[in-house]
C-alpha atoms as a PDB file:
ATOM      1  CA  MET A   1     -26.804 -17.219  37.785  1.00  0.00           C
ATOM      2  CA  THR A   2     -26.893 -16.587  34.045  1.00  0.00           C
ATOM      3  CA  GLN A   3     -27.694 -13.130  32.753  1.00  0.00           C
ATOM      4  CA  LYS A   4     -30.461 -13.196  30.170  1.00  0.00           C
ATOM      5  CA  THR A   5     -29.358 -11.554  26.716  1.00  0.00           C
ATOM      6  CA  GLN A   6     -31.471  -8.867  25.355  1.00  0.00           C
ATOM      7  CA  PRO A   7     -32.603  -9.683  21.703  1.00  0.00           C
ATOM      8  CA  PRO A   8     -30.172  -7.660  19.249  1.00  0.00           C
ATOM      9  CA  PHE A   9     -32.752  -5.293  18.095  1.00  0.00           C
ATOM     10  CA  LYS A  10     -34.803  -4.663  21.177  1.00  0.00           C
ATOM     11  CA  GLY A  11     -35.922  -1.055  21.051  1.00  0.00           C
ATOM     12  CA  ARG A  12     -34.992  -0.613  17.381  1.00  0.00           C
ATOM     13  CA  THR A  13     -37.490   0.721  14.794  1.00  0.00           C
ATOM     14  CA  VAL A  14     -37.235  -0.784  11.411  1.00  0.00           C
ATOM     15  CA  LEU A  15     -39.203   0.115   8.221  1.00  0.00           C
ATOM     16  CA  VAL A  16     -39.302  -2.707   5.571  1.00  0.00           C
ATOM     17  CA  THR A  17     -40.586  -1.945   2.182  1.00  0.00           C
ATOM     18  CA  GLY A  18     -41.899  -4.851  -0.039  1.00  0.00           C
ATOM     19  CA  ALA A  19     -42.868  -6.836   3.034  1.00  0.00           C
ATOM     20  CA  SER A  20     -45.772  -8.731   1.871  1.00  0.00           C
ATOM     21  CA  LYS A  21     -43.948 -11.764   0.271  1.00  0.00           C
ATOM     22  CA  GLY A  22     -40.761 -13.602  -0.172  1.00  0.00           C
ATOM     23  CA  ILE A  23     -37.552 -12.163   1.075  1.00  0.00           C
ATOM     24  CA  GLY A  24     -39.189  -8.954   2.377  1.00  0.00           C
ATOM     25  CA  ARG A  25     -41.708 -11.078   4.583  1.00  0.00           C
ATOM     26  CA  GLN A  26     -38.823 -13.030   6.006  1.00  0.00           C
ATOM     27  CA  ILE A  27     -36.839  -9.973   6.852  1.00  0.00           C
ATOM     28  CA  ALA A  28     -39.850  -8.525   8.835  1.00  0.00           C
ATOM     29  CA  LEU A  29     -40.397 -11.925  10.739  1.00  0.00           C
ATOM     30  CA  ASP A  30     -36.764 -12.236  11.567  1.00  0.00           C
ATOM     31  CA  PHE A  31     -36.565  -8.696  12.719  1.00  0.00           C
ATOM     32  CA  ALA A  32     -39.553  -9.081  14.854  1.00  0.00           C
ATOM     33  CA  ALA A  33     -38.075 -12.401  16.373  1.00  0.00           C
ATOM     34  CA  GLN A  34     -35.123 -10.337  17.335  1.00  0.00           C
ATOM     35  CA  GLY A  35     -36.924  -7.746  19.297  1.00  0.00           C
ATOM     36  CA  ALA A  36     -37.429  -4.979  16.679  1.00  0.00           C
ATOM     37  CA  GLN A  37     -40.650  -2.967  16.339  1.00  0.00           C
ATOM     38  CA  LEU A  38     -41.505  -2.666  12.794  1.00  0.00           C
ATOM     39  CA  ALA A  39     -43.416  -0.692  10.082  1.00  0.00           C
ATOM     40  CA  ILE A  40     -43.991  -2.905   7.005  1.00  0.00           C
ATOM     41  CA  THR A  41     -45.337  -1.450   3.708  1.00  0.00           C
ATOM     42  CA  ALA A  42     -46.728  -2.733   0.295  1.00  0.00           C
ATOM     43  CA  ARG A  43     -48.592  -1.191  -2.380  1.00  0.00           C
ATOM     44  CA  HIS A  44     -51.847  -2.976  -1.079  1.00  0.00           C
ATOM     45  CA  GLU A  45     -52.243  -2.850   2.571  1.00  0.00           C
ATOM     46  CA  ASP A  46     -54.449  -5.861   2.792  1.00  0.00           C
ATOM     47  CA  GLU A  47     -51.473  -7.968   1.409  1.00  0.00           C
ATOM     48  CA  LEU A  48     -49.587  -7.201   4.794  1.00  0.00           C
ATOM     49  CA  ASP A  49     -52.475  -8.764   6.989  1.00  0.00           C
ATOM     50  CA  HIS A  50     -50.982 -12.179   7.025  1.00  0.00           C
ATOM     51  CA  VAL A  51     -47.348 -11.092   7.439  1.00  0.00           C
ATOM     52  CA  LEU A  52     -48.452  -8.806  10.699  1.00  0.00           C
ATOM     53  CA  ARG A  53     -50.150 -11.717  12.135  1.00  0.00           C
ATOM     54  CA  ASP A  54     -47.071 -13.981  11.643  1.00  0.00           C
ATOM     55  CA  MET A  55     -44.672 -11.261  13.217  1.00  0.00           C
ATOM     56  CA  LYS A  56     -46.979 -10.777  16.114  1.00  0.00           C
ATOM     57  CA  ASN A  57     -46.962 -14.748  16.657  1.00  0.00           C
ATOM     58  CA  ALA A  58     -43.324 -14.603  16.356  1.00  0.00           C
ATOM     59  CA  ALA A  59     -42.756 -12.062  18.917  1.00  0.00           C
ATOM     60  CA  PRO A  60     -45.502  -9.659  20.217  1.00  0.00           C
ATOM     61  CA  GLY A  61     -44.805  -6.102  19.260  1.00  0.00           C
ATOM     62  CA  ARG A  62     -46.358  -2.779  18.288  1.00  0.00           C
ATOM     63  CA  HIS A  63     -46.031  -3.580  14.679  1.00  0.00           C
ATOM     64  CA  ILE A  64     -47.787  -1.716  12.194  1.00  0.00           C
ATOM     65  CA  LYS A  65     -48.566  -1.837   8.336  1.00  0.00           C
ATOM     66  CA  LEU A  66     -48.551   1.057   6.002  1.00  0.00           C
ATOM     67  CA  GLU A  67     -49.873   1.221   2.197  1.00  0.00           C
ATOM     68  CA  ALA A  68     -47.488   2.985   0.025  1.00  0.00           C
ATOM     69  CA  ASP A  69     -46.671   3.675  -3.629  1.00  0.00           C
ATOM     70  CA  LEU A  70     -42.740   3.615  -2.917  1.00  0.00           C
ATOM     71  CA  ALA A  71     -41.853   5.913  -6.064  1.00  0.00           C
ATOM     72  CA  ASP A  72     -44.372   8.500  -5.005  1.00  0.00           C
ATOM     73  CA  GLU A  73     -42.611  11.345  -2.841  1.00  0.00           C
ATOM     74  CA  LYS A  74     -45.850  12.234  -1.035  1.00  0.00           C
ATOM     75  CA  SER A  75     -46.866   8.740  -0.325  1.00  0.00           C
ATOM     76  CA  VAL A  76     -43.386   7.858   0.904  1.00  0.00           C
ATOM     77  CA  ARG A  77     -43.351  10.898   3.127  1.00  0.00           C
ATOM     78  CA  LYS A  78     -46.672   9.673   4.751  1.00  0.00           C
ATOM     79  CA  ILE A  79     -45.149   6.201   5.597  1.00  0.00           C
ATOM     80  CA  PHE A  80     -42.131   7.938   7.187  1.00  0.00           C
ATOM     81  CA  GLU A  81     -44.473  10.379   9.062  1.00  0.00           C
ATOM     82  CA  GLY A  82     -46.711   7.395  10.080  1.00  0.00           C
ATOM     83  CA  THR A  83     -43.668   5.322  11.378  1.00  0.00           C
ATOM     84  CA  VAL A  84     -42.046   8.072  13.292  1.00  0.00           C
ATOM     85  CA  SER A  85     -45.335   9.178  14.893  1.00  0.00           C
ATOM     86  CA  HIS A  86     -46.231   5.619  15.973  1.00  0.00           C
ATOM     87  CA  PHE A  87     -42.814   4.597  17.281  1.00  0.00           C
ATOM     88  CA  GLY A  88     -41.262   8.148  17.998  1.00  0.00           C
ATOM     89  CA  GLY A  89     -38.297   7.455  15.571  1.00  0.00           C
ATOM     90  CA  LEU A  90     -36.669   5.239  13.041  1.00  0.00           C
ATOM     91  CA  ASP A  91     -33.332   3.359  13.373  1.00  0.00           C
ATOM     92  CA  ILE A  92     -33.181   1.021  10.215  1.00  0.00           C
ATOM     93  CA  LEU A  93     -34.576   1.351   6.751  1.00  0.00           C
ATOM     94  CA  ILE A  94     -34.532  -1.713   4.590  1.00  0.00           C
ATOM     95  CA  CYS A  95     -35.376  -1.026   0.770  1.00  0.00           C
ATOM     96  CA  ASN A  96     -36.424  -4.521  -0.438  1.00  0.00           C
ATOM     97  CA  ALA A  97     -39.256  -3.963  -3.005  1.00  0.00           C
ATOM     98  CA  GLY A  98     -38.723  -4.774  -6.437  1.00  0.00           C
ATOM     99  CA  MET A  99     -40.002  -6.158  -9.600  1.00  0.00           C
ATOM    100  CA  GLN A 100     -39.039  -7.416 -13.034  1.00  0.00           C
ATOM    101  CA  ILE A 101     -40.565  -7.605 -16.441  1.00  0.00           C
ATOM    102  CA  ALA A 102     -39.299 -10.073 -19.120  1.00  0.00           C
ATOM    103  CA  ALA A 103     -39.093  -9.120 -22.864  1.00  0.00           C
ATOM    104  CA  PRO A 104     -36.505  -9.285 -25.502  1.00  0.00           C
ATOM    105  CA  SER A 105     -34.488  -6.106 -25.159  1.00  0.00           C
ATOM    106  CA  GLU A 106     -35.207  -4.769 -28.468  1.00  0.00           C
ATOM    107  CA  GLU A 107     -39.008  -5.281 -27.983  1.00  0.00           C
ATOM    108  CA  MET A 108     -39.186  -4.111 -24.461  1.00  0.00           C
ATOM    109  CA  LYS A 109     -41.873  -1.275 -24.002  1.00  0.00           C
ATOM    110  CA  LEU A 110     -40.524   1.880 -22.721  1.00  0.00           C
ATOM    111  CA  ASP A 111     -43.325   2.072 -20.361  1.00  0.00           C
ATOM    112  CA  ASP A 112     -42.235  -1.340 -18.888  1.00  0.00           C
ATOM    113  CA  PHE A 113     -38.501  -0.322 -18.781  1.00  0.00           C
ATOM    114  CA  GLU A 114     -39.380   2.685 -16.666  1.00  0.00           C
ATOM    115  CA  ALA A 115     -41.802   0.982 -14.442  1.00  0.00           C
ATOM    116  CA  VAL A 116     -39.097  -1.446 -13.314  1.00  0.00           C
ATOM    117  CA  LEU A 117     -36.409   1.533 -12.941  1.00  0.00           C
ATOM    118  CA  LYS A 118     -39.213   3.505 -10.896  1.00  0.00           C
ATOM    119  CA  LEU A 119     -39.749   0.611  -8.130  1.00  0.00           C
ATOM    120  CA  ASN A 120     -36.243  -0.892  -8.296  1.00  0.00           C
ATOM    121  CA  LEU A 121     -34.006   2.327  -8.492  1.00  0.00           C
ATOM    122  CA  THR A 122     -36.087   5.608  -8.215  1.00  0.00           C
ATOM    123  CA  ALA A 123     -38.088   4.134  -5.230  1.00  0.00           C
ATOM    124  CA  VAL A 124     -34.819   3.335  -3.325  1.00  0.00           C
ATOM    125  CA  VAL A 125     -33.639   6.925  -3.746  1.00  0.00           C
ATOM    126  CA  ILE A 126     -36.668   8.614  -2.598  1.00  0.00           C
ATOM    127  CA  ASN A 127     -37.054   6.314   0.477  1.00  0.00           C
ATOM    128  CA  ALA A 128     -33.209   6.832   1.365  1.00  0.00           C
ATOM    129  CA  GLN A 129     -33.628  10.507   1.154  1.00  0.00           C
ATOM    130  CA  GLN A 130     -36.555  10.596   3.545  1.00  0.00           C
ATOM    131  CA  ALA A 131     -34.470   8.473   6.013  1.00  0.00           C
ATOM    132  CA  ILE A 132     -31.353  10.432   5.719  1.00  0.00           C
ATOM    133  CA  ARG A 133     -33.261  13.873   6.145  1.00  0.00           C
ATOM    134  CA  TYR A 134     -35.065  12.479   9.217  1.00  0.00           C
ATOM    135  CA  TRP A 135     -31.570  11.478  10.774  1.00  0.00           C
ATOM    136  CA  ARG A 136     -29.818  14.566   9.731  1.00  0.00           C
ATOM    137  CA  ASP A 137     -32.530  16.722  10.939  1.00  0.00           C
ATOM    138  CA  HIS A 138     -32.545  15.072  14.401  1.00  0.00           C
ATOM    139  CA  LYS A 139     -29.059  14.718  14.488  1.00  0.00           C
ATOM    140  CA  LYS A 140     -29.306  10.658  14.696  1.00  0.00           C
ATOM    141  CA  THR A 141     -27.362   7.872  13.418  1.00  0.00           C
ATOM    142  CA  GLY A 142     -29.169   5.250  11.185  1.00  0.00           C
ATOM    143  CA  THR A 143     -28.620   2.159   8.674  1.00  0.00           C
ATOM    144  CA  ILE A 144     -29.980   1.516   5.302  1.00  0.00           C
ATOM    145  CA  VAL A 145     -29.810  -1.732   3.605  1.00  0.00           C
ATOM    146  CA  VAL A 146     -30.831  -2.252   0.101  1.00  0.00           C
ATOM    147  CA  THR A 147     -31.945  -5.413  -1.651  1.00  0.00           C
ATOM    148  CA  SER A 148     -29.950  -5.494  -4.926  1.00  0.00           C
ATOM    149  CA  SER A 149     -29.268  -8.801  -6.919  1.00  0.00           C
ATOM    150  CA  VAL A 150     -26.414 -10.807  -8.491  1.00  0.00           C
ATOM    151  CA  HIS A 151     -27.528  -8.999 -11.589  1.00  0.00           C
ATOM    152  CA  GLN A 152     -25.832  -5.798 -10.229  1.00  0.00           C
ATOM    153  CA  LYS A 153     -22.595  -7.494 -11.806  1.00  0.00           C
ATOM    154  CA  ILE A 154     -24.077 -10.278 -14.069  1.00  0.00           C
ATOM    155  CA  PRO A 155     -25.976  -9.215 -17.128  1.00  0.00           C
ATOM    156  CA  LYS A 156     -29.629 -10.499 -17.533  1.00  0.00           C
ATOM    157  CA  PRO A 157     -30.487 -10.851 -21.114  1.00  0.00           C
ATOM    158  CA  GLY A 158     -34.274 -10.437 -21.713  1.00  0.00           C
ATOM    159  CA  TYR A 159     -34.750  -8.445 -18.581  1.00  0.00           C
ATOM    160  CA  LEU A 160     -33.048  -5.121 -19.452  1.00  0.00           C
ATOM    161  CA  GLY A 161     -34.806  -3.034 -16.931  1.00  0.00           C
ATOM    162  CA  TYR A 162     -34.034  -5.244 -14.067  1.00  0.00           C
ATOM    163  CA  SER A 163     -30.429  -5.573 -15.062  1.00  0.00           C
ATOM    164  CA  ALA A 164     -30.029  -1.649 -15.526  1.00  0.00           C
ATOM    165  CA  SER A 165     -31.811  -0.867 -12.098  1.00  0.00           C
ATOM    166  CA  LYS A 166     -29.769  -3.390 -10.130  1.00  0.00           C
ATOM    167  CA  GLY A 167     -26.625  -2.334 -11.726  1.00  0.00           C
ATOM    168  CA  ALA A 168     -27.278   1.475 -11.021  1.00  0.00           C
ATOM    169  CA  LEU A 169     -28.138   0.440  -7.150  1.00  0.00           C
ATOM    170  CA  GLY A 170     -24.612  -0.643  -6.574  1.00  0.00           C
ATOM    171  CA  ASN A 171     -23.428   2.955  -7.219  1.00  0.00           C
ATOM    172  CA  VAL A 172     -26.457   4.359  -5.292  1.00  0.00           C
ATOM    173  CA  VAL A 173     -25.198   2.682  -2.204  1.00  0.00           C
ATOM    174  CA  ARG A 174     -21.711   3.617  -2.691  1.00  0.00           C
ATOM    175  CA  THR A 175     -22.482   7.204  -3.300  1.00  0.00           C
ATOM    176  CA  LEU A 176     -24.818   7.580  -0.242  1.00  0.00           C
ATOM    177  CA  ALA A 177     -22.356   5.625   1.807  1.00  0.00           C
ATOM    178  CA  LEU A 178     -19.514   7.948   1.236  1.00  0.00           C
ATOM    179  CA  GLU A 179     -21.777  11.061   1.395  1.00  0.00           C
ATOM    180  CA  PHE A 180     -23.272  10.473   4.624  1.00  0.00           C
ATOM    181  CA  ALA A 181     -20.501   8.248   6.607  1.00  0.00           C
ATOM    182  CA  GLN A 182     -19.206  11.169   8.546  1.00  0.00           C
ATOM    183  CA  HIS A 183     -22.843  11.590   9.956  1.00  0.00           C
ATOM    184  CA  GLY A 184     -23.067   8.051  11.247  1.00  0.00           C
ATOM    185  CA  ILE A 185     -25.227   6.771   8.481  1.00  0.00           C
ATOM    186  CA  ARG A 186     -24.380   3.397   6.967  1.00  0.00           C
ATOM    187  CA  VAL A 187     -25.549   2.320   3.644  1.00  0.00           C
ATOM    188  CA  ASN A 188     -25.224  -1.290   2.247  1.00  0.00           C
ATOM    189  CA  GLY A 189     -26.572  -3.511  -0.132  1.00  0.00           C
ATOM    190  CA  ILE A 190     -27.590  -7.329  -0.265  1.00  0.00           C
ATOM    191  CA  ALA A 191     -27.529  -9.190  -3.443  1.00  0.00           C
ATOM    192  CA  PRO A 192     -29.347 -12.423  -3.559  1.00  0.00           C
ATOM    193  CA  GLY A 193     -28.718 -15.181  -6.085  1.00  0.00           C
ATOM    194  CA  ALA A 194     -31.382 -17.723  -7.165  1.00  0.00           C
ATOM    195  CA  ILE A 195     -33.585 -17.673  -4.225  1.00  0.00           C
ATOM    196  CA  ILE A 196     -36.873 -19.823  -3.493  1.00  0.00           C
ATOM    197  CA  THR A 197     -39.469 -16.977  -3.536  1.00  0.00           C
ATOM    198  CA  PRO A 198     -42.854 -16.395  -5.142  1.00  0.00           C
ATOM    199  CA  MET A 199     -40.927 -14.158  -7.921  1.00  0.00           C
ATOM    200  CA  ASN A 200     -39.238 -17.181  -8.980  1.00  0.00           C
ATOM    201  CA  GLU A 201     -42.296 -19.625  -9.096  1.00  0.00           C
ATOM    202  CA  ASP A 202     -41.782 -20.597 -12.671  1.00  0.00           C
ATOM    203  CA  TRP A 203     -38.615 -22.544 -11.938  1.00  0.00           C
ATOM    204  CA  VAL A 204     -38.889 -23.159  -8.197  1.00  0.00           C
ATOM    205  CA  LYS A 205     -42.105 -25.448  -8.891  1.00  0.00           C
ATOM    206  CA  ASP A 206     -40.809 -27.150 -11.892  1.00  0.00           C
ATOM    207  CA  PRO A 207     -38.512 -30.002 -10.944  1.00  0.00           C
ATOM    208  CA  GLU A 208     -36.537 -30.098 -14.388  1.00  0.00           C
ATOM    209  CA  LYS A 209     -36.286 -26.191 -14.368  1.00  0.00           C
ATOM    210  CA  ARG A 210     -34.978 -26.122 -10.693  1.00  0.00           C
ATOM    211  CA  LYS A 211     -32.560 -28.656 -11.520  1.00  0.00           C
ATOM    212  CA  ALA A 212     -31.235 -26.591 -14.511  1.00  0.00           C
ATOM    213  CA  VAL A 213     -30.973 -23.555 -12.424  1.00  0.00           C
ATOM    214  CA  SER A 214     -29.169 -25.564  -9.562  1.00  0.00           C
ATOM    215  CA  LYS A 215     -26.497 -26.812 -11.940  1.00  0.00           C
ATOM    216  CA  HIS A 216     -25.306 -23.379 -12.490  1.00  0.00           C
ATOM    217  CA  ILE A 217     -24.551 -22.511  -8.753  1.00  0.00           C
ATOM    218  CA  PRO A 218     -21.258 -23.686  -7.326  1.00  0.00           C
ATOM    219  CA  MET A 219     -23.161 -24.910  -4.227  1.00  0.00           C
ATOM    220  CA  ARG A 220     -25.661 -26.831  -6.422  1.00  0.00           C
ATOM    221  CA  ARG A 221     -28.670 -25.396  -4.852  1.00  0.00           C
ATOM    222  CA  PRO A 222     -30.936 -22.308  -4.782  1.00  0.00           C
ATOM    223  CA  GLY A 223     -30.825 -20.349  -1.592  1.00  0.00           C
ATOM    224  CA  GLU A 224     -33.637 -19.809   0.971  1.00  0.00           C
ATOM    225  CA  ALA A 225     -35.285 -16.410   1.908  1.00  0.00           C
ATOM    226  CA  SER A 226     -33.996 -17.004   5.415  1.00  0.00           C
ATOM    227  CA  GLU A 227     -30.444 -16.979   4.157  1.00  0.00           C
ATOM    228  CA  ILE A 228     -30.923 -13.777   2.639  1.00  0.00           C
ATOM    229  CA  SER A 229     -32.551 -12.220   5.723  1.00  0.00           C
ATOM    230  CA  SER A 230     -29.568 -13.297   7.855  1.00  0.00           C
ATOM    231  CA  GLY A 231     -27.226 -11.173   5.615  1.00  0.00           C
ATOM    232  CA  VAL A 232     -29.727  -8.391   5.833  1.00  0.00           C
ATOM    233  CA  LEU A 233     -29.783  -8.531   9.749  1.00  0.00           C
ATOM    234  CA  PHE A 234     -26.002  -8.693   9.949  1.00  0.00           C
ATOM    235  CA  LEU A 235     -25.697  -5.526   8.072  1.00  0.00           C
ATOM    236  CA  ALA A 236     -28.208  -3.709  10.081  1.00  0.00           C
ATOM    237  CA  SER A 237     -26.725  -4.898  13.346  1.00  0.00           C
ATOM    238  CA  ASP A 238     -23.896  -3.402  15.529  1.00  0.00           C
ATOM    239  CA  ALA A 239     -21.783  -6.361  14.527  1.00  0.00           C
ATOM    240  CA  ALA A 240     -21.454  -4.476  11.129  1.00  0.00           C
ATOM    241  CA  SER A 241     -20.714  -1.243  12.804  1.00  0.00           C
ATOM    242  CA  TYR A 242     -17.651  -0.447  10.532  1.00  0.00           C
ATOM    243  CA  ILE A 243     -19.144  -1.586   7.242  1.00  0.00           C
ATOM    244  CA  THR A 244     -20.681   0.849   4.736  1.00  0.00           C
ATOM    245  CA  GLY A 245     -20.707   1.227   1.087  1.00  0.00           C
ATOM    246  CA  GLN A 246     -20.482  -2.593   0.405  1.00  0.00           C
ATOM    247  CA  THR A 247     -22.581  -5.119  -1.268  1.00  0.00           C
ATOM    248  CA  LEU A 248     -22.756  -8.490   0.391  1.00  0.00           C
ATOM    249  CA  TYR A 249     -23.538 -11.289  -2.363  1.00  0.00           C
ATOM    250  CA  VAL A 250     -25.376 -14.012  -0.890  1.00  0.00           C
ATOM    251  CA  ASP A 251     -25.489 -16.427  -3.872  1.00  0.00           C
ATOM    252  CA  GLY A 252     -24.090 -19.843  -3.370  1.00  0.00           C
ATOM    253  CA  GLY A 253     -21.147 -18.799  -5.173  1.00  0.00           C
ATOM    254  CA  LEU A 254     -23.196 -17.687  -8.532  1.00  0.00           C
ATOM    255  CA  THR A 255     -20.943 -14.871  -8.951  1.00  0.00           C
ATOM    256  CA  LEU A 256     -17.910 -17.056  -9.118  1.00  0.00           C
ATOM    257  CA  TYR A 257     -19.026 -18.292 -12.588  1.00  0.00           C
ATOM    258  CA  ARG A 258     -19.291 -22.043 -12.219  1.00  0.00           C
ATOM    259  CA  ASP A 259     -18.343 -22.540 -15.862  1.00  0.00           C
ATOM    260  CA  PHE A 260     -14.581 -21.565 -14.624  1.00  0.00           C
ATOM    261  CA  GLU A 261     -14.591 -24.713 -12.075  1.00  0.00           C
ATOM    262  CA  ASP A 262     -12.848 -26.438 -14.927  1.00  0.00           C
ATOM    263  CA  ASN A 263      -9.688 -24.723 -16.101  1.00  0.00           C
ATOM    264  CA  TRP A 264     -10.584 -24.576 -19.879  1.00  0.00           C
ATOM    265  CA  SER A 265      -9.541 -21.006 -20.256  1.00  0.00           C
ATOM    266  CA  SER A 266      -5.708 -21.433 -20.279  1.00  0.00           C
END
C-alpha cells in the first residue's frame, strides 16, 4: 500500500507581502497549494479578495488578508500581531512588495526616489526585524525570502531608485543571514529577470517590445511568475536548509550578458 505524502508546507504559516498581483499572487497560490496557511498583505485590502478566493479554490485553508503600509512600523507590527494571533505563530516571511518609478536620473524627484527606497528597501528591513524579533523572543527558527531583481547587479538607467534599492537588498540579505544564522534563521533573496507580470505590461502586451526584450535574454524568452515562485518555495523549504545569505537569480541567463555570446572582446 502506497503511503500518502504530506504537502511540503503543511502546518507552516507564511506571511507574503505584496500578494495582490504578479509574482506575489503566484507565490501565495503556490504556498497554499502545497499545504501552507497564509496571511497575505497589500496596501489596499480589497485588492486581495480575488487572491484569497483563488487560494481557497486551490487548497482550502485558514488563509487571511491584512491591509498594511509596509514601510510603517506600527502598521507592520499590526500585521505580525494579526498573523500570530490567528495562526498561533509564523514560520516563513516573504518580502515581495516593490515598485519602480521611471525618470532620467538627473531629473528624478527626490520624493519619488525616497518613495521607491521606502517600499523596496526600508519596508524589507522593518518586516524582517519584526519576524526576527518574534523568532528570537519565542526561541523559534524561521526563514525569510526577499524578492530582489537582476538589477541587484545590473544597472538600470532611468530607474535610479529601483536600481539603488535592489543593489542594497543584496547586502541586507547577506548581513541578516550572517547575523542570525546561529539562531536557526535563514535569509535569502530571489532575483527575477524579465518576467510577465502587470508591472511589465508596457512591453508584455506589445509584440515588438516583447520581441526586443526577449532578444537580450540568452533563453530568448521572458519568464513566468510561476518560475519565480518555484524558486521562492525552494529557498523557503527544508530542501534549502543549508542555504543562507544567497541571492538566487532566476533570469533565463540575463545576468550572463548575452552580448558576450559572440567572442568579440578578445
